[in-house]
């Protein structure tokens, strides 16, 4: 009985710390997908840096606890600074972006074999104990699906927007619909869809190749009465940038992908401020 009372008090104290932290963050946005392999983390990372380039203060929470890829895609393996005396965690900064992930805290290639409550607990701790300070945006890169971590992030983080990433392919859209409906059930005020891998320009003939179909994400968003934020074409340099830890939107020369993310960030700004 005493143990249960102690646990309840600990959770209550953690919730108070989370609430205090959220007061300093203007907009909270969760990025998730109905299935894996649709480029969710790529979208989260490049969107975070796009907002940063617009003079926003931005944090990125890697909430995909068993598949944390944000450090790889941002080119960092630095562990966050832990101030044990104060029970605080200082996020690492990469090109001005505040980043927190469990990946640097684990041995290389070591699997994290945790059940749902432990994974959710890690997200709660990041929200409660990380010193984000004043931010314009905190983006959370969630794991695919509609499991514990998505539920925890939505309940604890209280996001104003959910961004669901899909490809135009019907197999992806089936799961994307589930993710949109979950966001609706969680009463997230604004829901947007990003259609990723939307066509490939042939480097030889410059013809458009719709590898995964075309327009599926936009049609689904219209059918489900949620915002369509934009589409991102397939581009070899996106994959290369992700693998090398150099997000494509940080490239100095303009490119089609950066333009797409500029459009998406503009849509988000209009929705949240309108």
C-alpha atoms as a PDB file:
ATOM      1  CA  UNK A   1       0.000   0.000   0.000  1.00  0.00           C
ATOM      2  CA  UNK A   2       2.802   2.400   0.946  1.00  0.00           C
ATOM      3  CA  UNK A   3       4.564   1.565  -2.308  1.00  0.00           C
ATOM      4  CA  UNK A   4       1.454   2.408  -4.338  1.00  0.00           C
ATOM      5  CA  UNK A   5       1.051   5.719  -2.504  1.00  0.00           C
ATOM      6  CA  UNK A   6       4.728   6.536  -3.098  1.00  0.00           C
ATOM      7  CA  UNK A   7       4.449   5.724  -6.825  1.00  0.00           C
ATOM      8  CA  UNK A   8       1.345   7.867  -7.183  1.00  0.00           C
ATOM      9  CA  UNK A   9       3.093  10.772  -5.466  1.00  0.00           C
ATOM     10  CA  UNK A  10       6.145  10.373  -7.705  1.00  0.00           C
ATOM     11  CA  UNK A  11       3.972  10.420 -10.856  1.00  0.00           C
ATOM     12  CA  UNK A  12       2.120  13.464  -9.560  1.00  0.00           C
ATOM     13  CA  UNK A  13       5.387  15.306  -8.904  1.00  0.00           C
ATOM     14  CA  UNK A  14       6.644  14.375 -12.386  1.00  0.00           C
ATOM     15  CA  UNK A  15       3.432  15.671 -13.966  1.00  0.00           C
ATOM     16  CA  UNK A  16       3.939  18.988 -12.179  1.00  0.00           C
ATOM     17  CA  UNK A  17       7.484  19.248 -13.610  1.00  0.00           C
ATOM     18  CA  UNK A  18       6.138  18.458 -17.080  1.00  0.00           C
ATOM     19  CA  UNK A  19       3.488  21.137 -16.743  1.00  0.00           C
ATOM     20  CA  UNK A  20       6.100  23.681 -15.662  1.00  0.00           C
ATOM     21  CA  UNK A  21       8.323  22.762 -18.623  1.00  0.00           C
ATOM     22  CA  UNK A  22       5.459  23.002 -21.133  1.00  0.00           C
ATOM     23  CA  UNK A  23       4.644  26.536 -20.006  1.00  0.00           C
ATOM     24  CA  UNK A  24       7.911  27.658 -21.620  1.00  0.00           C
ATOM     25  CA  UNK A  25       7.132  26.027 -24.973  1.00  0.00           C
ATOM     26  CA  UNK A  26       4.824  27.890 -27.328  1.00  0.00           C
ATOM     27  CA  UNK A  27       3.929  25.093 -29.738  1.00  0.00           C
ATOM     28  CA  UNK A  28       4.195  21.330 -29.235  1.00  0.00           C
ATOM     29  CA  UNK A  29       4.002  19.150 -32.338  1.00  0.00           C
ATOM     30  CA  UNK A  30       4.092  15.343 -32.547  1.00  0.00           C
ATOM     31  CA  UNK A  31       5.259  13.633 -35.726  1.00  0.00           C
ATOM     32  CA  UNK A  32       4.145  10.056 -36.210  1.00  0.00           C
ATOM     33  CA  UNK A  33       2.975   7.542 -38.787  1.00  0.00           C
ATOM     34  CA  UNK A  34       0.730   4.550 -39.015  1.00  0.00           C
ATOM     35  CA  UNK A  35       3.604   2.364 -40.214  1.00  0.00           C
ATOM     36  CA  UNK A  36       7.378   2.385 -40.380  1.00  0.00           C
ATOM     37  CA  UNK A  37       9.497   3.127 -43.427  1.00  0.00           C
ATOM     38  CA  UNK A  38       7.635   6.218 -44.626  1.00  0.00           C
ATOM     39  CA  UNK A  39      10.365   8.725 -43.685  1.00  0.00           C
ATOM     40  CA  UNK A  40       8.849  10.009 -40.446  1.00  0.00           C
ATOM     41  CA  UNK A  41      12.170  10.838 -38.767  1.00  0.00           C
ATOM     42  CA  UNK A  42      13.518  12.413 -41.948  1.00  0.00           C
ATOM     43  CA  UNK A  43      10.488  14.699 -41.981  1.00  0.00           C
ATOM     44  CA  UNK A  44      10.824  15.524 -38.269  1.00  0.00           C
ATOM     45  CA  UNK A  45      14.540  16.375 -38.523  1.00  0.00           C
ATOM     46  CA  UNK A  46      14.301  18.491 -41.674  1.00  0.00           C
ATOM     47  CA  UNK A  47      11.179  20.260 -40.443  1.00  0.00           C
ATOM     48  CA  UNK A  48      12.931  21.102 -37.157  1.00  0.00           C
ATOM     49  CA  UNK A  49      15.877  22.634 -39.009  1.00  0.00           C
ATOM     50  CA  UNK A  50      13.574  24.480 -41.404  1.00  0.00           C
ATOM     51  CA  UNK A  51      11.852  26.139 -38.447  1.00  0.00           C
ATOM     52  CA  UNK A  52      15.255  26.889 -36.924  1.00  0.00           C
ATOM     53  CA  UNK A  53      16.355  28.632 -40.130  1.00  0.00           C
ATOM     54  CA  UNK A  54      13.293  30.856 -39.742  1.00  0.00           C
ATOM     55  CA  UNK A  55      14.762  32.184 -36.481  1.00  0.00           C
ATOM     56  CA  UNK A  56      12.571  29.966 -34.303  1.00  0.00           C
ATOM     57  CA  UNK A  57      13.855  28.376 -31.095  1.00  0.00           C
ATOM     58  CA  UNK A  58      13.372  24.662 -31.661  1.00  0.00           C
ATOM     59  CA  UNK A  59      13.782  21.425 -29.701  1.00  0.00           C
ATOM     60  CA  UNK A  60      13.555  17.873 -31.044  1.00  0.00           C
ATOM     61  CA  UNK A  61      12.577  15.005 -28.769  1.00  0.00           C
ATOM     62  CA  UNK A  62      13.468  11.559 -30.109  1.00  0.00           C
ATOM     63  CA  UNK A  63      10.548   9.629 -28.617  1.00  0.00           C
ATOM     64  CA  UNK A  64      11.134   6.502 -30.698  1.00  0.00           C
ATOM     65  CA  UNK A  65      12.762   4.788 -27.732  1.00  0.00           C
ATOM     66  CA  UNK A  66      13.531   1.411 -29.356  1.00  0.00           C
ATOM     67  CA  UNK A  67      14.474   2.884 -32.744  1.00  0.00           C
ATOM     68  CA  UNK A  68      16.126   6.235 -31.998  1.00  0.00           C
ATOM     69  CA  UNK A  69      17.527   7.547 -35.292  1.00  0.00           C
ATOM     70  CA  UNK A  70      17.550  11.308 -34.686  1.00  0.00           C
ATOM     71  CA  UNK A  71      21.236  11.407 -33.584  1.00  0.00           C
ATOM     72  CA  UNK A  72      22.315   9.578 -36.741  1.00  0.00           C
ATOM     73  CA  UNK A  73      20.339  11.917 -38.984  1.00  0.00           C
ATOM     74  CA  UNK A  74      21.601  15.051 -37.232  1.00  0.00           C
ATOM     75  CA  UNK A  75      25.225  13.936 -37.153  1.00  0.00           C
ATOM     76  CA  UNK A  76      25.707  13.752 -33.407  1.00  0.00           C
ATOM     77  CA  UNK A  77      26.634  11.029 -30.942  1.00  0.00           C
ATOM     78  CA  UNK A  78      27.076  13.365 -27.977  1.00  0.00           C
ATOM     79  CA  UNK A  79      25.298  12.383 -24.782  1.00  0.00           C
ATOM     80  CA  UNK A  80      23.192  14.982 -22.990  1.00  0.00           C
ATOM     81  CA  UNK A  81      24.621  16.486 -19.822  1.00  0.00           C
ATOM     82  CA  UNK A  82      23.011  15.090 -16.694  1.00  0.00           C
ATOM     83  CA  UNK A  83      22.960  17.293 -13.597  1.00  0.00           C
ATOM     84  CA  UNK A  84      22.242  14.620 -11.007  1.00  0.00           C
ATOM     85  CA  UNK A  85      22.296  17.087  -8.126  1.00  0.00           C
ATOM     86  CA  UNK A  86      19.329  18.949  -9.611  1.00  0.00           C
ATOM     87  CA  UNK A  87      17.699  16.023 -11.407  1.00  0.00           C
ATOM     88  CA  UNK A  88      18.034  17.846 -14.737  1.00  0.00           C
ATOM     89  CA  UNK A  89      19.105  16.845 -18.241  1.00  0.00           C
ATOM     90  CA  UNK A  90      20.686  19.402 -20.598  1.00  0.00           C
ATOM     91  CA  UNK A  91      19.912  18.614 -24.250  1.00  0.00           C
ATOM     92  CA  UNK A  92      22.719  18.501 -26.779  1.00  0.00           C
ATOM     93  CA  UNK A  93      22.724  21.228 -29.429  1.00  0.00           C
ATOM     94  CA  UNK A  94      23.556  20.523 -33.054  1.00  0.00           C
ATOM     95  CA  UNK A  95      23.559  23.515 -35.435  1.00  0.00           C
ATOM     96  CA  UNK A  96      21.428  25.333 -32.864  1.00  0.00           C
ATOM     97  CA  UNK A  97      18.806  22.583 -32.554  1.00  0.00           C
ATOM     98  CA  UNK A  98      18.239  21.246 -29.036  1.00  0.00           C
ATOM     99  CA  UNK A  99      18.151  17.438 -29.223  1.00  0.00           C
ATOM    100  CA  UNK A 100      17.379  14.735 -26.694  1.00  0.00           C
ATOM    101  CA  UNK A 101      17.565  11.029 -27.500  1.00  0.00           C
ATOM    102  CA  UNK A 102      18.220   7.841 -25.629  1.00  0.00           C
ATOM    103  CA  UNK A 103      20.538   6.593 -28.399  1.00  0.00           C
ATOM    104  CA  UNK A 104      23.804   8.168 -27.122  1.00  0.00           C
ATOM    105  CA  UNK A 105      23.134   6.655 -23.690  1.00  0.00           C
ATOM    106  CA  UNK A 106      23.186   3.103 -25.051  1.00  0.00           C
ATOM    107  CA  UNK A 107      26.107   0.892 -26.160  1.00  0.00           C
ATOM    108  CA  UNK A 108      26.442   0.852 -29.942  1.00  0.00           C
ATOM    109  CA  UNK A 109      24.081  -1.591 -31.678  1.00  0.00           C
ATOM    110  CA  UNK A 110      22.630  -2.654 -28.326  1.00  0.00           C
ATOM    111  CA  UNK A 111      18.875  -3.391 -28.439  1.00  0.00           C
ATOM    112  CA  UNK A 112      16.616  -1.738 -25.913  1.00  0.00           C
ATOM    113  CA  UNK A 113      14.394  -4.575 -24.719  1.00  0.00           C
ATOM    114  CA  UNK A 114      11.829  -2.666 -22.694  1.00  0.00           C
ATOM    115  CA  UNK A 115       8.133  -3.206 -22.258  1.00  0.00           C
ATOM    116  CA  UNK A 116       5.682  -0.415 -22.980  1.00  0.00           C
ATOM    117  CA  UNK A 117       5.552   1.145 -19.482  1.00  0.00           C
ATOM    118  CA  UNK A 118       9.332   1.598 -19.392  1.00  0.00           C
ATOM    119  CA  UNK A 119       9.382   3.187 -22.845  1.00  0.00           C
ATOM    120  CA  UNK A 120       6.562   5.516 -21.873  1.00  0.00           C
ATOM    121  CA  UNK A 121       8.369   6.296 -18.631  1.00  0.00           C
ATOM    122  CA  UNK A 122      11.453   7.411 -20.568  1.00  0.00           C
ATOM    123  CA  UNK A 123       9.349   9.852 -22.609  1.00  0.00           C
ATOM    124  CA  UNK A 124       7.760  11.225 -19.444  1.00  0.00           C
ATOM    125  CA  UNK A 125      11.195  11.705 -17.901  1.00  0.00           C
ATOM    126  CA  UNK A 126      12.460  13.553 -20.962  1.00  0.00           C
ATOM    127  CA  UNK A 127       9.465  15.888 -20.800  1.00  0.00           C
ATOM    128  CA  UNK A 128       9.827  16.420 -17.057  1.00  0.00           C
ATOM    129  CA  UNK A 129      13.586  16.651 -16.544  1.00  0.00           C
ATOM    130  CA  UNK A 130      15.071  18.009 -19.784  1.00  0.00           C
ATOM    131  CA  UNK A 131      15.842  21.726 -19.539  1.00  0.00           C
ATOM    132  CA  UNK A 132      14.303  22.881 -22.805  1.00  0.00           C
ATOM    133  CA  UNK A 133      13.958  26.483 -21.605  1.00  0.00           C
ATOM    134  CA  UNK A 134      11.947  28.872 -23.792  1.00  0.00           C
ATOM    135  CA  UNK A 135      11.103  27.332 -27.170  1.00  0.00           C
ATOM    136  CA  UNK A 136       8.899  28.344 -30.077  1.00  0.00           C
ATOM    137  CA  UNK A 137       8.531  24.708 -31.138  1.00  0.00           C
ATOM    138  CA  UNK A 138       9.114  21.327 -29.542  1.00  0.00           C
ATOM    139  CA  UNK A 139       8.803  18.511 -32.070  1.00  0.00           C
ATOM    140  CA  UNK A 140       8.517  14.909 -30.894  1.00  0.00           C
ATOM    141  CA  UNK A 141       9.501  12.148 -33.311  1.00  0.00           C
ATOM    142  CA  UNK A 142       7.263   9.268 -32.214  1.00  0.00           C
ATOM    143  CA  UNK A 143       7.554   5.582 -33.113  1.00  0.00           C
ATOM    144  CA  UNK A 144       5.323   4.230 -35.884  1.00  0.00           C
ATOM    145  CA  UNK A 145       1.939   2.808 -35.005  1.00  0.00           C
ATOM    146  CA  UNK A 146      -0.564   3.694 -32.311  1.00  0.00           C
ATOM    147  CA  UNK A 147       1.072   2.191 -29.226  1.00  0.00           C
ATOM    148  CA  UNK A 148       2.008   3.247 -25.705  1.00  0.00           C
ATOM    149  CA  UNK A 149       4.578   5.905 -26.594  1.00  0.00           C
ATOM    150  CA  UNK A 150       2.185   7.773 -28.901  1.00  0.00           C
ATOM    151  CA  UNK A 151      -0.482   7.711 -26.209  1.00  0.00           C
ATOM    152  CA  UNK A 152       1.941   8.901 -23.510  1.00  0.00           C
ATOM    153  CA  UNK A 153       3.326  11.735 -25.644  1.00  0.00           C
ATOM    154  CA  UNK A 154      -0.160  12.955 -26.523  1.00  0.00           C
ATOM    155  CA  UNK A 155      -1.397  12.843 -22.946  1.00  0.00           C
ATOM    156  CA  UNK A 156       1.697  14.318 -21.291  1.00  0.00           C
ATOM    157  CA  UNK A 157       2.893  16.713 -23.982  1.00  0.00           C
ATOM    158  CA  UNK A 158      -0.540  18.108 -24.852  1.00  0.00           C
ATOM    159  CA  UNK A 159       0.424  18.876 -28.469  1.00  0.00           C
ATOM    160  CA  UNK A 160      -1.430  21.503 -30.462  1.00  0.00           C
ATOM    161  CA  UNK A 161      -0.704  19.625 -33.686  1.00  0.00           C
ATOM    162  CA  UNK A 162      -0.131  16.079 -34.917  1.00  0.00           C
ATOM    163  CA  UNK A 163       1.683  15.565 -38.210  1.00  0.00           C
ATOM    164  CA  UNK A 164       1.038  12.168 -39.774  1.00  0.00           C
ATOM    165  CA  UNK A 165       3.558  11.102 -42.415  1.00  0.00           C
ATOM    166  CA  UNK A 166       2.548   8.742 -45.205  1.00  0.00           C
ATOM    167  CA  UNK A 167       3.535   7.749 -48.713  1.00  0.00           C
ATOM    168  CA  UNK A 168       0.965   7.906 -51.530  1.00  0.00           C
ATOM    169  CA  UNK A 169       0.772   4.092 -51.520  1.00  0.00           C
ATOM    170  CA  UNK A 170      -2.547   2.599 -50.376  1.00  0.00           C
ATOM    171  CA  UNK A 171      -0.820   0.167 -48.004  1.00  0.00           C
ATOM    172  CA  UNK A 172       0.673   3.165 -46.196  1.00  0.00           C
ATOM    173  CA  UNK A 173      -2.588   5.116 -46.329  1.00  0.00           C
ATOM    174  CA  UNK A 174      -4.478   2.321 -44.554  1.00  0.00           C
ATOM    175  CA  UNK A 175      -2.255   2.725 -41.511  1.00  0.00           C
ATOM    176  CA  UNK A 176      -2.167   6.502 -41.888  1.00  0.00           C
ATOM    177  CA  UNK A 177      -5.955   6.603 -41.524  1.00  0.00           C
ATOM    178  CA  UNK A 178      -5.620   4.753 -38.229  1.00  0.00           C
ATOM    179  CA  UNK A 179      -3.042   7.279 -37.028  1.00  0.00           C
ATOM    180  CA  UNK A 180      -5.290  10.202 -38.016  1.00  0.00           C
ATOM    181  CA  UNK A 181      -8.225   8.640 -36.175  1.00  0.00           C
ATOM    182  CA  UNK A 182      -6.053   8.126 -33.100  1.00  0.00           C
ATOM    183  CA  UNK A 183      -5.088  11.801 -33.153  1.00  0.00           C
ATOM    184  CA  UNK A 184      -8.777  12.669 -33.359  1.00  0.00           C
ATOM    185  CA  UNK A 185      -9.635  10.417 -30.398  1.00  0.00           C
ATOM    186  CA  UNK A 186      -6.856  12.066 -28.389  1.00  0.00           C
ATOM    187  CA  UNK A 187      -8.417  15.476 -29.109  1.00  0.00           C
ATOM    188  CA  UNK A 188      -5.291  16.937 -30.679  1.00  0.00           C
ATOM    189  CA  UNK A 189      -6.590  20.294 -31.965  1.00  0.00           C
ATOM    190  CA  UNK A 190      -4.910  20.282 -35.383  1.00  0.00           C
ATOM    191  CA  UNK A 191      -4.008  17.284 -37.540  1.00  0.00           C
ATOM    192  CA  UNK A 192      -1.944  17.535 -40.703  1.00  0.00           C
ATOM    193  CA  UNK A 193      -0.802  15.014 -43.301  1.00  0.00           C
ATOM    194  CA  UNK A 194       2.534  15.078 -45.111  1.00  0.00           C
ATOM    195  CA  UNK A 195       2.832  12.956 -48.249  1.00  0.00           C
ATOM    196  CA  UNK A 196       6.439  11.778 -48.436  1.00  0.00           C
ATOM    197  CA  UNK A 197       8.243  10.032 -51.323  1.00  0.00           C
ATOM    198  CA  UNK A 198       5.784  11.691 -53.708  1.00  0.00           C
ATOM    199  CA  UNK A 199       7.338  10.973 -57.075  1.00  0.00           C
ATOM    200  CA  UNK A 200      10.859  10.656 -58.424  1.00  0.00           C
ATOM    201  CA  UNK A 201      12.361  12.693 -61.254  1.00  0.00           C
ATOM    202  CA  UNK A 202      14.361  10.454 -63.555  1.00  0.00           C
ATOM    203  CA  UNK A 203      17.955  11.789 -63.709  1.00  0.00           C
ATOM    204  CA  UNK A 204      18.246  10.705 -67.362  1.00  0.00           C
ATOM    205  CA  UNK A 205      15.012  11.837 -68.999  1.00  0.00           C
ATOM    206  CA  UNK A 206      13.603  14.214 -66.340  1.00  0.00           C
ATOM    207  CA  UNK A 207      10.271  12.394 -66.435  1.00  0.00           C
ATOM    208  CA  UNK A 208       8.227  12.040 -63.239  1.00  0.00           C
ATOM    209  CA  UNK A 209       8.033   8.480 -61.914  1.00  0.00           C
ATOM    210  CA  UNK A 210       5.308   7.870 -59.333  1.00  0.00           C
ATOM    211  CA  UNK A 211       6.985   4.968 -57.553  1.00  0.00           C
ATOM    212  CA  UNK A 212       4.365   4.788 -54.790  1.00  0.00           C
ATOM    213  CA  UNK A 213       1.456   6.292 -56.709  1.00  0.00           C
ATOM    214  CA  UNK A 214       0.377   9.927 -56.649  1.00  0.00           C
ATOM    215  CA  UNK A 215      -1.880  12.133 -54.574  1.00  0.00           C
ATOM    216  CA  UNK A 216      -2.997   9.495 -52.092  1.00  0.00           C
ATOM    217  CA  UNK A 217      -2.108  11.512 -49.002  1.00  0.00           C
ATOM    218  CA  UNK A 218      -3.884  14.637 -50.225  1.00  0.00           C
ATOM    219  CA  UNK A 219      -7.050  12.730 -51.122  1.00  0.00           C
ATOM    220  CA  UNK A 220      -7.052  10.939 -47.769  1.00  0.00           C
ATOM    221  CA  UNK A 221      -6.614  14.217 -45.883  1.00  0.00           C
ATOM    222  CA  UNK A 222      -9.597  15.690 -47.743  1.00  0.00           C
ATOM    223  CA  UNK A 223     -11.726  12.607 -47.049  1.00  0.00           C
ATOM    224  CA  UNK A 224     -10.892  12.704 -43.333  1.00  0.00           C
ATOM    225  CA  UNK A 225     -11.276  16.504 -43.051  1.00  0.00           C
ATOM    226  CA  UNK A 226      -7.745  17.176 -41.823  1.00  0.00           C
ATOM    227  CA  UNK A 227      -5.089  19.541 -43.155  1.00  0.00           C
ATOM    228  CA  UNK A 228      -2.907  18.543 -46.071  1.00  0.00           C
ATOM    229  CA  UNK A 229       0.449  20.179 -45.362  1.00  0.00           C
ATOM    230  CA  UNK A 230       2.278  19.275 -48.545  1.00  0.00           C
ATOM    231  CA  UNK A 231       4.224  16.631 -50.411  1.00  0.00           C
ATOM    232  CA  UNK A 232       7.938  15.836 -50.479  1.00  0.00           C
ATOM    233  CA  UNK A 233       9.394  14.206 -53.606  1.00  0.00           C
ATOM    234  CA  UNK A 234      11.900  11.372 -53.579  1.00  0.00           C
ATOM    235  CA  UNK A 235      15.464  12.558 -53.927  1.00  0.00           C
ATOM    236  CA  UNK A 236      18.751  10.677 -53.585  1.00  0.00           C
ATOM    237  CA  UNK A 237      20.334  13.561 -51.683  1.00  0.00           C
ATOM    238  CA  UNK A 238      17.733  13.207 -48.899  1.00  0.00           C
ATOM    239  CA  UNK A 239      18.878   9.653 -48.199  1.00  0.00           C
ATOM    240  CA  UNK A 240      22.519  10.638 -48.466  1.00  0.00           C
ATOM    241  CA  UNK A 241      22.028  13.540 -46.085  1.00  0.00           C
ATOM    242  CA  UNK A 242      20.229  11.370 -43.547  1.00  0.00           C
ATOM    243  CA  UNK A 243      22.930   8.706 -43.638  1.00  0.00           C
ATOM    244  CA  UNK A 244      25.742  11.250 -43.293  1.00  0.00           C
ATOM    245  CA  UNK A 245      24.061  13.325 -40.591  1.00  0.00           C
ATOM    246  CA  UNK A 246      23.684  16.356 -42.862  1.00  0.00           C
ATOM    247  CA  UNK A 247      19.969  17.197 -43.281  1.00  0.00           C
ATOM    248  CA  UNK A 248      19.253  18.373 -46.788  1.00  0.00           C
ATOM    249  CA  UNK A 249      17.588  21.617 -45.658  1.00  0.00           C
ATOM    250  CA  UNK A 250      20.948  22.749 -44.230  1.00  0.00           C
ATOM    251  CA  UNK A 251      22.559  22.682 -47.671  1.00  0.00           C
ATOM    252  CA  UNK A 252      23.575  26.136 -48.819  1.00  0.00           C
ATOM    253  CA  UNK A 253      22.118  25.933 -52.316  1.00  0.00           C
ATOM    254  CA  UNK A 254      18.341  25.953 -52.855  1.00  0.00           C
ATOM    255  CA  UNK A 255      16.736  22.642 -53.751  1.00  0.00           C
ATOM    256  CA  UNK A 256      13.298  21.165 -54.326  1.00  0.00           C
ATOM    257  CA  UNK A 257      13.202  19.395 -50.963  1.00  0.00           C
ATOM    258  CA  UNK A 258      14.045  22.537 -49.000  1.00  0.00           C
ATOM    259  CA  UNK A 259      11.288  24.362 -50.878  1.00  0.00           C
ATOM    260  CA  UNK A 260       8.851  21.591 -49.902  1.00  0.00           C
ATOM    261  CA  UNK A 261       9.754  21.902 -46.234  1.00  0.00           C
ATOM    262  CA  UNK A 262       9.474  25.687 -46.433  1.00  0.00           C
ATOM    263  CA  UNK A 263       5.942  25.241 -47.754  1.00  0.00           C
ATOM    264  CA  UNK A 264       5.052  22.744 -45.020  1.00  0.00           C
ATOM    265  CA  UNK A 265       6.430  24.961 -42.251  1.00  0.00           C
ATOM    266  CA  UNK A 266       4.428  27.858 -43.676  1.00  0.00           C
ATOM    267  CA  UNK A 267       1.253  25.777 -43.570  1.00  0.00           C
ATOM    268  CA  UNK A 268       1.948  24.814 -39.962  1.00  0.00           C
ATOM    269  CA  UNK A 269       2.544  28.425 -38.985  1.00  0.00           C
ATOM    270  CA  UNK A 270      -0.698  29.519 -40.647  1.00  0.00           C
ATOM    271  CA  UNK A 271      -2.702  26.789 -38.918  1.00  0.00           C
ATOM    272  CA  UNK A 272      -1.253  27.345 -35.448  1.00  0.00           C
ATOM    273  CA  UNK A 273      -1.323  31.140 -35.524  1.00  0.00           C
ATOM    274  CA  UNK A 274      -4.583  31.501 -37.417  1.00  0.00           C
END
